């Protein structure tokens, strides 16, 4: 996730490259500018045929394209925000479960609580790795060892870890003589973890239909490549600059929609799963009275 000051300066807004969409689209924009420059130098003539395109169809195409891009980006941001909501549920349920280990299970020893916390944090890191399509990382393995669990392999790593977490929580509740009402309250947090994991998997496994994305890509490219033939006779040498601005807008919206439609990716505009997992670690360990690590800091304006 791109992290910037709440009130960036005008210079940052106008000239910042790091953290913008420019690194993802500059080859396309540059190619479009080169094409518009060639059209300008040839005065819109292709094989001795002067192509004259009036602004009327481009106005209609541009309006339709803007509406379609806006709709696609709205859908993409809904996926982004829904993913963040499910991750928030994971964090909330983790805090509640860690808090209840102390308040509802007072007979549990600190080592027993830490073992359950290790299972919980191992599950959280497995969720991150699974959503990114990665094998269980060092963080997950480390916390699973704290929770006295064997490493769990994908693709059902997080699901299996959740089952083992539930077994560990209920076994600890039984060993410490907890009542059925306490077990129900603990199970409610486990159900929230299950709901959040299922929601994240739903987003991960249900992308925006590819034909719709393909159509947007094609129409944006065709529009930007034909645009110089419409402008060259009316604005002349200003054509490459105008095409550059419009290409930046349309290609930028297209690329931005692609990035936020995959909120669990490692793109700069994706969700900071590493930072969220670290914050869950901090919250859980603080609630158990254990030493906690420092929060992750953005690197070059990007928080992973």
C-alpha atoms as a PDB file:
ATOM      1  CA  UNK A   1       0.000   0.000   0.000  1.00  0.00           C
ATOM      2  CA  UNK A   2       1.267   3.467  -0.906  1.00  0.00           C
ATOM      3  CA  UNK A   3       1.782   5.607   2.204  1.00  0.00           C
ATOM      4  CA  UNK A   4       2.121   9.367   1.833  1.00  0.00           C
ATOM      5  CA  UNK A   5       1.713  12.433   3.996  1.00  0.00           C
ATOM      6  CA  UNK A   6      -1.879  13.444   4.680  1.00  0.00           C
ATOM      7  CA  UNK A   7      -1.248  16.829   3.033  1.00  0.00           C
ATOM      8  CA  UNK A   8       1.422  16.365   0.345  1.00  0.00           C
ATOM      9  CA  UNK A   9       2.928  19.430  -1.263  1.00  0.00           C
ATOM     10  CA  UNK A  10       2.021  20.606  -4.727  1.00  0.00           C
ATOM     11  CA  UNK A  11       5.439  19.491  -5.982  1.00  0.00           C
ATOM     12  CA  UNK A  12       4.781  15.946  -4.739  1.00  0.00           C
ATOM     13  CA  UNK A  13       1.323  15.868  -6.328  1.00  0.00           C
ATOM     14  CA  UNK A  14       2.644  17.057  -9.688  1.00  0.00           C
ATOM     15  CA  UNK A  15       6.024  15.349  -9.984  1.00  0.00           C
ATOM     16  CA  UNK A  16       6.100  12.289  -7.685  1.00  0.00           C
ATOM     17  CA  UNK A  17       6.807   9.071  -9.587  1.00  0.00           C
ATOM     18  CA  UNK A  18       7.369   6.649  -6.724  1.00  0.00           C
ATOM     19  CA  UNK A  19       4.021   5.509  -5.437  1.00  0.00           C
ATOM     20  CA  UNK A  20       2.155   6.605  -8.567  1.00  0.00           C
ATOM     21  CA  UNK A  21       0.787   4.537 -11.434  1.00  0.00           C
ATOM     22  CA  UNK A  22       3.460   5.878 -13.813  1.00  0.00           C
ATOM     23  CA  UNK A  23       5.912   2.950 -13.423  1.00  0.00           C
ATOM     24  CA  UNK A  24       3.191   0.568 -14.601  1.00  0.00           C
ATOM     25  CA  UNK A  25       2.029   2.549 -17.655  1.00  0.00           C
ATOM     26  CA  UNK A  26       4.933   4.683 -18.897  1.00  0.00           C
ATOM     27  CA  UNK A  27       5.849   2.330 -21.810  1.00  0.00           C
ATOM     28  CA  UNK A  28       2.297   2.513 -23.144  1.00  0.00           C
ATOM     29  CA  UNK A  29       2.096   6.281 -22.745  1.00  0.00           C
ATOM     30  CA  UNK A  30       5.486   6.748 -24.383  1.00  0.00           C
ATOM     31  CA  UNK A  31       4.501   4.571 -27.334  1.00  0.00           C
ATOM     32  CA  UNK A  32       1.292   6.544 -27.767  1.00  0.00           C
ATOM     33  CA  UNK A  33       3.209   9.836 -27.697  1.00  0.00           C
ATOM     34  CA  UNK A  34       5.649   8.521 -30.314  1.00  0.00           C
ATOM     35  CA  UNK A  35       2.741   7.477 -32.525  1.00  0.00           C
ATOM     36  CA  UNK A  36       1.128  10.902 -32.146  1.00  0.00           C
ATOM     37  CA  UNK A  37       4.452  12.567 -33.009  1.00  0.00           C
ATOM     38  CA  UNK A  38       4.706  10.446 -36.149  1.00  0.00           C
ATOM     39  CA  UNK A  39       1.133  11.360 -37.074  1.00  0.00           C
ATOM     40  CA  UNK A  40       1.991  15.025 -36.547  1.00  0.00           C
ATOM     41  CA  UNK A  41       5.072  14.832 -38.770  1.00  0.00           C
ATOM     42  CA  UNK A  42       3.149  13.078 -41.541  1.00  0.00           C
ATOM     43  CA  UNK A  43       0.116  15.373 -41.080  1.00  0.00           C
ATOM     44  CA  UNK A  44      -2.136  12.375 -40.525  1.00  0.00           C
ATOM     45  CA  UNK A  45      -1.233  10.763 -43.859  1.00  0.00           C
ATOM     46  CA  UNK A  46      -0.918   6.968 -44.021  1.00  0.00           C
ATOM     47  CA  UNK A  47       0.219   5.462 -47.362  1.00  0.00           C
ATOM     48  CA  UNK A  48      -0.704   8.671 -49.208  1.00  0.00           C
ATOM     49  CA  UNK A  49      -4.159   8.614 -47.627  1.00  0.00           C
ATOM     50  CA  UNK A  50      -5.035  11.517 -45.367  1.00  0.00           C
ATOM     51  CA  UNK A  51      -7.019  10.172 -42.443  1.00  0.00           C
ATOM     52  CA  UNK A  52      -9.553  12.702 -41.243  1.00  0.00           C
ATOM     53  CA  UNK A  53     -11.376  11.788 -38.029  1.00  0.00           C
ATOM     54  CA  UNK A  54     -13.866  14.237 -36.601  1.00  0.00           C
ATOM     55  CA  UNK A  55     -14.153  14.882 -32.847  1.00  0.00           C
ATOM     56  CA  UNK A  56     -17.773  13.706 -32.676  1.00  0.00           C
ATOM     57  CA  UNK A  57     -17.151   9.934 -32.579  1.00  0.00           C
ATOM     58  CA  UNK A  58     -14.188  10.376 -30.229  1.00  0.00           C
ATOM     59  CA  UNK A  59     -16.353  12.398 -27.870  1.00  0.00           C
ATOM     60  CA  UNK A  60     -18.909   9.595 -27.767  1.00  0.00           C
ATOM     61  CA  UNK A  61     -16.253   6.896 -27.488  1.00  0.00           C
ATOM     62  CA  UNK A  62     -14.401   8.782 -24.768  1.00  0.00           C
ATOM     63  CA  UNK A  63     -17.551   9.308 -22.731  1.00  0.00           C
ATOM     64  CA  UNK A  64     -18.528   5.650 -23.034  1.00  0.00           C
ATOM     65  CA  UNK A  65     -15.004   4.532 -22.218  1.00  0.00           C
ATOM     66  CA  UNK A  66     -14.841   6.772 -19.147  1.00  0.00           C
ATOM     67  CA  UNK A  67     -18.144   5.388 -17.869  1.00  0.00           C
ATOM     68  CA  UNK A  68     -17.003   1.782 -18.394  1.00  0.00           C
ATOM     69  CA  UNK A  69     -13.646   2.415 -16.722  1.00  0.00           C
ATOM     70  CA  UNK A  70     -15.368   4.145 -13.823  1.00  0.00           C
ATOM     71  CA  UNK A  71     -17.739   1.215 -13.372  1.00  0.00           C
ATOM     72  CA  UNK A  72     -14.893  -1.319 -13.520  1.00  0.00           C
ATOM     73  CA  UNK A  73     -12.824   0.668 -11.009  1.00  0.00           C
ATOM     74  CA  UNK A  74     -15.813   0.957  -8.681  1.00  0.00           C
ATOM     75  CA  UNK A  75     -16.226  -2.818  -8.749  1.00  0.00           C
ATOM     76  CA  UNK A  76     -12.476  -3.247  -8.207  1.00  0.00           C
ATOM     77  CA  UNK A  77     -12.506  -0.900  -5.207  1.00  0.00           C
ATOM     78  CA  UNK A  78     -15.475  -2.755  -3.743  1.00  0.00           C
ATOM     79  CA  UNK A  79     -13.382  -5.922  -3.859  1.00  0.00           C
ATOM     80  CA  UNK A  80     -10.467  -4.018  -2.291  1.00  0.00           C
ATOM     81  CA  UNK A  81     -12.589  -2.656   0.543  1.00  0.00           C
ATOM     82  CA  UNK A  82     -14.354  -5.983   1.149  1.00  0.00           C
ATOM     83  CA  UNK A  83     -10.956  -7.679   1.405  1.00  0.00           C
ATOM     84  CA  UNK A  84      -9.832  -5.063   3.931  1.00  0.00           C
ATOM     85  CA  UNK A  85     -13.037  -5.650   5.913  1.00  0.00           C
ATOM     86  CA  UNK A  86     -12.375  -9.395   6.152  1.00  0.00           C
ATOM     87  CA  UNK A  87      -8.782  -8.763   7.211  1.00  0.00           C
ATOM     88  CA  UNK A  88     -10.132  -6.418   9.869  1.00  0.00           C
ATOM     89  CA  UNK A  89     -12.353  -9.234  11.116  1.00  0.00           C
ATOM     90  CA  UNK A  90      -9.312 -11.485  11.377  1.00  0.00           C
ATOM     91  CA  UNK A  91      -7.526  -8.847  13.453  1.00  0.00           C
ATOM     92  CA  UNK A  92     -10.575  -8.212  15.653  1.00  0.00           C
ATOM     93  CA  UNK A  93     -11.206 -11.900  16.351  1.00  0.00           C
ATOM     94  CA  UNK A  94      -7.502 -12.419  17.116  1.00  0.00           C
ATOM     95  CA  UNK A  95      -7.571  -9.609  19.678  1.00  0.00           C
ATOM     96  CA  UNK A  96     -10.742 -10.933  21.272  1.00  0.00           C
ATOM     97  CA  UNK A  97      -9.400 -14.466  21.461  1.00  0.00           C
ATOM     98  CA  UNK A  98      -6.114 -13.316  23.011  1.00  0.00           C
ATOM     99  CA  UNK A  99      -7.989 -11.157  25.522  1.00  0.00           C
ATOM    100  CA  UNK A 100     -10.350 -14.002  26.441  1.00  0.00           C
ATOM    101  CA  UNK A 101      -7.438 -16.365  27.040  1.00  0.00           C
ATOM    102  CA  UNK A 102      -6.592 -14.176  30.015  1.00  0.00           C
ATOM    103  CA  UNK A 103     -10.018 -13.012  31.188  1.00  0.00           C
ATOM    104  CA  UNK A 104     -12.049 -16.201  30.664  1.00  0.00           C
ATOM    105  CA  UNK A 105      -9.305 -18.756  31.364  1.00  0.00           C
ATOM    106  CA  UNK A 106      -7.590 -17.378  34.494  1.00  0.00           C
ATOM    107  CA  UNK A 107      -6.238 -20.816  35.467  1.00  0.00           C
ATOM    108  CA  UNK A 108      -4.231 -21.129  32.243  1.00  0.00           C
ATOM    109  CA  UNK A 109      -0.505 -20.633  32.648  1.00  0.00           C
ATOM    110  CA  UNK A 110       1.390 -18.049  30.569  1.00  0.00           C
ATOM    111  CA  UNK A 111       3.100 -20.843  28.618  1.00  0.00           C
ATOM    112  CA  UNK A 112      -0.265 -22.430  27.764  1.00  0.00           C
ATOM    113  CA  UNK A 113      -1.645 -19.097  26.578  1.00  0.00           C
ATOM    114  CA  UNK A 114       1.470 -18.443  24.513  1.00  0.00           C
ATOM    115  CA  UNK A 115       1.149 -21.876  22.899  1.00  0.00           C
ATOM    116  CA  UNK A 116      -2.398 -21.068  21.794  1.00  0.00           C
ATOM    117  CA  UNK A 117      -1.256 -17.621  20.649  1.00  0.00           C
ATOM    118  CA  UNK A 118       1.426 -19.320  18.559  1.00  0.00           C
ATOM    119  CA  UNK A 119      -1.253 -21.417  16.859  1.00  0.00           C
ATOM    120  CA  UNK A 120      -3.308 -18.276  16.268  1.00  0.00           C
ATOM    121  CA  UNK A 121      -0.449 -16.226  14.816  1.00  0.00           C
ATOM    122  CA  UNK A 122       0.716 -19.157  12.711  1.00  0.00           C
ATOM    123  CA  UNK A 123      -2.802 -19.315  11.261  1.00  0.00           C
ATOM    124  CA  UNK A 124      -2.759 -15.563  10.488  1.00  0.00           C
ATOM    125  CA  UNK A 125       0.539 -15.830   8.612  1.00  0.00           C
ATOM    126  CA  UNK A 126      -0.681 -18.910   6.743  1.00  0.00           C
ATOM    127  CA  UNK A 127      -3.724 -16.920   5.611  1.00  0.00           C
ATOM    128  CA  UNK A 128      -1.416 -14.232   4.209  1.00  0.00           C
ATOM    129  CA  UNK A 129       0.788 -16.750   2.404  1.00  0.00           C
ATOM    130  CA  UNK A 130      -2.208 -18.634   1.029  1.00  0.00           C
ATOM    131  CA  UNK A 131      -3.859 -15.478  -0.288  1.00  0.00           C
ATOM    132  CA  UNK A 132      -0.622 -14.514  -2.053  1.00  0.00           C
ATOM    133  CA  UNK A 133      -0.225 -18.004  -3.503  1.00  0.00           C
ATOM    134  CA  UNK A 134       2.996 -18.657  -1.579  1.00  0.00           C
ATOM    135  CA  UNK A 135       4.281 -21.615   0.391  1.00  0.00           C
ATOM    136  CA  UNK A 136       4.213 -21.217   4.195  1.00  0.00           C
ATOM    137  CA  UNK A 137       6.883 -18.687   5.083  1.00  0.00           C
ATOM    138  CA  UNK A 138       9.326 -18.414   7.959  1.00  0.00           C
ATOM    139  CA  UNK A 139       6.908 -16.395  10.119  1.00  0.00           C
ATOM    140  CA  UNK A 140       4.213 -19.060   9.899  1.00  0.00           C
ATOM    141  CA  UNK A 141       6.686 -21.866  10.623  1.00  0.00           C
ATOM    142  CA  UNK A 142       8.122 -19.987  13.597  1.00  0.00           C
ATOM    143  CA  UNK A 143       4.763 -19.398  15.264  1.00  0.00           C
ATOM    144  CA  UNK A 144       3.521 -22.908  14.526  1.00  0.00           C
ATOM    145  CA  UNK A 145       6.580 -24.225  16.355  1.00  0.00           C
ATOM    146  CA  UNK A 146       5.713 -21.972  19.317  1.00  0.00           C
ATOM    147  CA  UNK A 147       2.241 -23.496  19.225  1.00  0.00           C
ATOM    148  CA  UNK A 148       3.774 -27.008  19.141  1.00  0.00           C
ATOM    149  CA  UNK A 149       2.226 -27.737  15.746  1.00  0.00           C
ATOM    150  CA  UNK A 150       3.913 -29.384  12.804  1.00  0.00           C
ATOM    151  CA  UNK A 151       4.319 -27.271   9.649  1.00  0.00           C
ATOM    152  CA  UNK A 152       1.209 -27.269   7.473  1.00  0.00           C
ATOM    153  CA  UNK A 153       1.453 -27.390   3.675  1.00  0.00           C
ATOM    154  CA  UNK A 154      -0.837 -25.605   1.184  1.00  0.00           C
ATOM    155  CA  UNK A 155      -3.356 -25.440  -0.370  1.00  0.00           C
ATOM    156  CA  UNK A 156      -5.376 -26.128   2.807  1.00  0.00           C
ATOM    157  CA  UNK A 157      -2.701 -24.901   5.184  1.00  0.00           C
ATOM    158  CA  UNK A 158      -4.728 -22.118   6.781  1.00  0.00           C
ATOM    159  CA  UNK A 159      -7.837 -24.281   7.026  1.00  0.00           C
ATOM    160  CA  UNK A 160      -5.972 -27.093   8.775  1.00  0.00           C
ATOM    161  CA  UNK A 161      -4.246 -24.619  11.080  1.00  0.00           C
ATOM    162  CA  UNK A 162      -7.641 -23.185  12.025  1.00  0.00           C
ATOM    163  CA  UNK A 163      -8.912 -26.634  12.958  1.00  0.00           C
ATOM    164  CA  UNK A 164      -5.843 -27.242  15.111  1.00  0.00           C
ATOM    165  CA  UNK A 165      -6.254 -23.813  16.689  1.00  0.00           C
ATOM    166  CA  UNK A 166      -9.841 -24.676  17.622  1.00  0.00           C
ATOM    167  CA  UNK A 167      -8.691 -27.969  19.140  1.00  0.00           C
ATOM    168  CA  UNK A 168      -6.004 -26.193  21.143  1.00  0.00           C
ATOM    169  CA  UNK A 169      -8.416 -23.547  22.455  1.00  0.00           C
ATOM    170  CA  UNK A 170     -11.069 -26.067  23.487  1.00  0.00           C
ATOM    171  CA  UNK A 171      -8.546 -28.442  25.040  1.00  0.00           C
ATOM    172  CA  UNK A 172      -7.138 -25.588  27.102  1.00  0.00           C
ATOM    173  CA  UNK A 173     -10.647 -24.554  28.161  1.00  0.00           C
ATOM    174  CA  UNK A 174     -11.415 -28.098  29.257  1.00  0.00           C
ATOM    175  CA  UNK A 175      -8.112 -28.495  31.112  1.00  0.00           C
ATOM    176  CA  UNK A 176      -8.693 -25.272  33.059  1.00  0.00           C
ATOM    177  CA  UNK A 177     -12.278 -26.200  33.964  1.00  0.00           C
ATOM    178  CA  UNK A 178     -14.018 -23.539  31.866  1.00  0.00           C
ATOM    179  CA  UNK A 179     -17.799 -23.637  31.695  1.00  0.00           C
ATOM    180  CA  UNK A 180     -19.830 -24.320  28.570  1.00  0.00           C
ATOM    181  CA  UNK A 181     -20.745 -20.627  28.357  1.00  0.00           C
ATOM    182  CA  UNK A 182     -17.045 -19.720  28.211  1.00  0.00           C
ATOM    183  CA  UNK A 183     -16.491 -22.302  25.484  1.00  0.00           C
ATOM    184  CA  UNK A 184     -19.342 -20.776  23.489  1.00  0.00           C
ATOM    185  CA  UNK A 185     -17.757 -17.321  23.716  1.00  0.00           C
ATOM    186  CA  UNK A 186     -14.402 -18.714  22.605  1.00  0.00           C
ATOM    187  CA  UNK A 187     -16.061 -20.549  19.744  1.00  0.00           C
ATOM    188  CA  UNK A 188     -17.668 -17.313  18.556  1.00  0.00           C
ATOM    189  CA  UNK A 189     -14.202 -15.878  17.877  1.00  0.00           C
ATOM    190  CA  UNK A 190     -13.216 -19.053  16.039  1.00  0.00           C
ATOM    191  CA  UNK A 191     -16.355 -18.723  13.917  1.00  0.00           C
ATOM    192  CA  UNK A 192     -15.382 -15.137  13.077  1.00  0.00           C
ATOM    193  CA  UNK A 193     -11.942 -16.354  11.948  1.00  0.00           C
ATOM    194  CA  UNK A 194     -13.627 -18.963   9.751  1.00  0.00           C
ATOM    195  CA  UNK A 195     -15.968 -16.367   8.251  1.00  0.00           C
ATOM    196  CA  UNK A 196     -13.111 -13.981   7.490  1.00  0.00           C
ATOM    197  CA  UNK A 197     -10.975 -16.712   5.915  1.00  0.00           C
ATOM    198  CA  UNK A 198     -13.872 -17.838   3.728  1.00  0.00           C
ATOM    199  CA  UNK A 199     -14.534 -14.248   2.649  1.00  0.00           C
ATOM    200  CA  UNK A 200     -10.905 -13.695   1.662  1.00  0.00           C
ATOM    201  CA  UNK A 201     -10.891 -16.960  -0.290  1.00  0.00           C
ATOM    202  CA  UNK A 202     -14.063 -15.878  -2.085  1.00  0.00           C
ATOM    203  CA  UNK A 203     -12.378 -12.697  -3.294  1.00  0.00           C
ATOM    204  CA  UNK A 204      -9.156 -14.516  -4.192  1.00  0.00           C
ATOM    205  CA  UNK A 205     -10.898 -17.242  -6.193  1.00  0.00           C
ATOM    206  CA  UNK A 206     -13.471 -15.030  -7.946  1.00  0.00           C
ATOM    207  CA  UNK A 207     -11.697 -12.501 -10.177  1.00  0.00           C
ATOM    208  CA  UNK A 208     -13.404  -9.946 -12.394  1.00  0.00           C
ATOM    209  CA  UNK A 209     -14.472 -11.793 -15.599  1.00  0.00           C
ATOM    210  CA  UNK A 210     -11.566 -11.828 -18.036  1.00  0.00           C
ATOM    211  CA  UNK A 211     -13.616 -10.917 -21.171  1.00  0.00           C
ATOM    212  CA  UNK A 212     -14.639  -7.654 -19.506  1.00  0.00           C
ATOM    213  CA  UNK A 213     -11.022  -6.799 -18.657  1.00  0.00           C
ATOM    214  CA  UNK A 214      -9.911  -7.792 -22.167  1.00  0.00           C
ATOM    215  CA  UNK A 215     -12.521  -5.540 -23.734  1.00  0.00           C
ATOM    216  CA  UNK A 216     -11.401  -2.582 -21.600  1.00  0.00           C
ATOM    217  CA  UNK A 217      -7.750  -3.090 -22.536  1.00  0.00           C
ATOM    218  CA  UNK A 218      -8.514  -3.285 -26.233  1.00  0.00           C
ATOM    219  CA  UNK A 219     -10.813  -0.278 -26.354  1.00  0.00           C
ATOM    220  CA  UNK A 220      -8.372   1.890 -24.366  1.00  0.00           C
ATOM    221  CA  UNK A 221      -5.488   1.026 -26.702  1.00  0.00           C
ATOM    222  CA  UNK A 222      -7.521   1.584 -29.871  1.00  0.00           C
ATOM    223  CA  UNK A 223      -8.876   4.894 -28.611  1.00  0.00           C
ATOM    224  CA  UNK A 224      -5.451   6.262 -27.632  1.00  0.00           C
ATOM    225  CA  UNK A 225      -3.833   5.162 -30.918  1.00  0.00           C
ATOM    226  CA  UNK A 226      -6.532   6.724 -33.098  1.00  0.00           C
ATOM    227  CA  UNK A 227      -6.801   9.915 -31.061  1.00  0.00           C
ATOM    228  CA  UNK A 228      -3.885  11.747 -32.813  1.00  0.00           C
ATOM    229  CA  UNK A 229      -5.660  11.504 -36.180  1.00  0.00           C
ATOM    230  CA  UNK A 230      -8.585  13.395 -34.643  1.00  0.00           C
ATOM    231  CA  UNK A 231      -6.497  16.147 -33.061  1.00  0.00           C
ATOM    232  CA  UNK A 232      -3.694  16.794 -35.536  1.00  0.00           C
ATOM    233  CA  UNK A 233      -5.688  19.053 -37.868  1.00  0.00           C
ATOM    234  CA  UNK A 234      -7.208  21.116 -35.071  1.00  0.00           C
ATOM    235  CA  UNK A 235      -4.409  21.618 -32.509  1.00  0.00           C
ATOM    236  CA  UNK A 236      -1.311  20.833 -34.580  1.00  0.00           C
ATOM    237  CA  UNK A 237       1.950  20.720 -32.595  1.00  0.00           C
ATOM    238  CA  UNK A 238       0.001  20.505 -29.335  1.00  0.00           C
ATOM    239  CA  UNK A 239      -1.215  17.015 -30.345  1.00  0.00           C
ATOM    240  CA  UNK A 240       1.512  14.906 -28.603  1.00  0.00           C
ATOM    241  CA  UNK A 241       0.991  16.729 -25.292  1.00  0.00           C
ATOM    242  CA  UNK A 242      -2.791  16.352 -25.423  1.00  0.00           C
ATOM    243  CA  UNK A 243      -2.484  12.677 -26.336  1.00  0.00           C
ATOM    244  CA  UNK A 244       0.025  12.177 -23.495  1.00  0.00           C
ATOM    245  CA  UNK A 245      -2.401  13.608 -20.920  1.00  0.00           C
ATOM    246  CA  UNK A 246      -5.369  11.583 -22.170  1.00  0.00           C
ATOM    247  CA  UNK A 247      -3.309   8.395 -22.497  1.00  0.00           C
ATOM    248  CA  UNK A 248      -2.002   8.874 -18.950  1.00  0.00           C
ATOM    249  CA  UNK A 249      -5.562   9.175 -17.674  1.00  0.00           C
ATOM    250  CA  UNK A 250      -7.059   6.218 -19.561  1.00  0.00           C
ATOM    251  CA  UNK A 251      -4.084   3.864 -19.206  1.00  0.00           C
ATOM    252  CA  UNK A 252      -3.735   4.910 -15.560  1.00  0.00           C
ATOM    253  CA  UNK A 253      -7.358   4.154 -14.728  1.00  0.00           C
ATOM    254  CA  UNK A 254      -7.079   0.848 -16.541  1.00  0.00           C
ATOM    255  CA  UNK A 255      -3.895  -0.192 -14.690  1.00  0.00           C
ATOM    256  CA  UNK A 256      -5.163   1.064 -11.333  1.00  0.00           C
ATOM    257  CA  UNK A 257      -8.315  -1.024 -11.717  1.00  0.00           C
ATOM    258  CA  UNK A 258      -6.176  -4.090 -12.416  1.00  0.00           C
ATOM    259  CA  UNK A 259      -4.095  -3.525  -9.287  1.00  0.00           C
ATOM    260  CA  UNK A 260      -6.859  -2.900  -6.769  1.00  0.00           C
ATOM    261  CA  UNK A 261      -8.947  -5.748  -8.227  1.00  0.00           C
ATOM    262  CA  UNK A 262      -6.273  -8.081  -6.776  1.00  0.00           C
ATOM    263  CA  UNK A 263      -6.030  -6.739  -3.204  1.00  0.00           C
ATOM    264  CA  UNK A 264      -3.844  -9.612  -1.951  1.00  0.00           C
ATOM    265  CA  UNK A 265      -1.108  -9.116  -4.545  1.00  0.00           C
ATOM    266  CA  UNK A 266       2.272  -7.518  -3.896  1.00  0.00           C
ATOM    267  CA  UNK A 267       1.639  -4.512  -6.166  1.00  0.00           C
ATOM    268  CA  UNK A 268       2.189  -1.071  -4.578  1.00  0.00           C
ATOM    269  CA  UNK A 269      -1.572  -0.443  -4.443  1.00  0.00           C
ATOM    270  CA  UNK A 270      -2.414  -3.819  -2.879  1.00  0.00           C
ATOM    271  CA  UNK A 271      -3.244  -4.320   0.789  1.00  0.00           C
ATOM    272  CA  UNK A 272      -0.261  -4.365   3.189  1.00  0.00           C
ATOM    273  CA  UNK A 273      -0.656  -7.953   4.365  1.00  0.00           C
ATOM    274  CA  UNK A 274       2.790  -8.062   5.989  1.00  0.00           C
ATOM    275  CA  UNK A 275       2.052  -4.942   8.036  1.00  0.00           C
ATOM    276  CA  UNK A 276      -1.392  -6.229   9.031  1.00  0.00           C
ATOM    277  CA  UNK A 277       0.046  -9.562  10.189  1.00  0.00           C
ATOM    278  CA  UNK A 278       2.727  -7.750  12.175  1.00  0.00           C
ATOM    279  CA  UNK A 279       0.089  -5.542  13.827  1.00  0.00           C
ATOM    280  CA  UNK A 280      -1.905  -8.643  14.804  1.00  0.00           C
ATOM    281  CA  UNK A 281       1.266 -10.063  16.350  1.00  0.00           C
ATOM    282  CA  UNK A 282       1.765  -6.875  18.356  1.00  0.00           C
ATOM    283  CA  UNK A 283      -1.831  -6.798  19.568  1.00  0.00           C
ATOM    284  CA  UNK A 284      -1.939 -10.460  20.594  1.00  0.00           C
ATOM    285  CA  UNK A 285       1.413 -10.413  22.410  1.00  0.00           C
ATOM    286  CA  UNK A 286       0.606  -7.162  24.233  1.00  0.00           C
ATOM    287  CA  UNK A 287      -2.692  -8.619  25.452  1.00  0.00           C
ATOM    288  CA  UNK A 288      -0.815 -11.640  26.802  1.00  0.00           C
ATOM    289  CA  UNK A 289       1.850  -9.502  28.457  1.00  0.00           C
ATOM    290  CA  UNK A 290       4.603 -10.789  26.167  1.00  0.00           C
ATOM    291  CA  UNK A 291       7.288  -8.692  24.415  1.00  0.00           C
ATOM    292  CA  UNK A 292       6.052  -7.520  21.027  1.00  0.00           C
ATOM    293  CA  UNK A 293       7.980  -6.604  17.853  1.00  0.00           C
ATOM    294  CA  UNK A 294       7.976  -3.140  16.312  1.00  0.00           C
ATOM    295  CA  UNK A 295       5.464  -2.269  13.577  1.00  0.00           C
ATOM    296  CA  UNK A 296       6.616  -2.508   9.982  1.00  0.00           C
ATOM    297  CA  UNK A 297       7.536   0.825   8.392  1.00  0.00           C
ATOM    298  CA  UNK A 298       7.011   1.846   4.755  1.00  0.00           C
ATOM    299  CA  UNK A 299       9.991   1.502   2.446  1.00  0.00           C
ATOM    300  CA  UNK A 300      10.250   4.279  -0.148  1.00  0.00           C
ATOM    301  CA  UNK A 301       6.617   5.177   0.496  1.00  0.00           C
ATOM    302  CA  UNK A 302       5.298   1.617   0.079  1.00  0.00           C
ATOM    303  CA  UNK A 303       4.013  -0.486   2.998  1.00  0.00           C
ATOM    304  CA  UNK A 304       3.978  -4.199   2.224  1.00  0.00           C
END
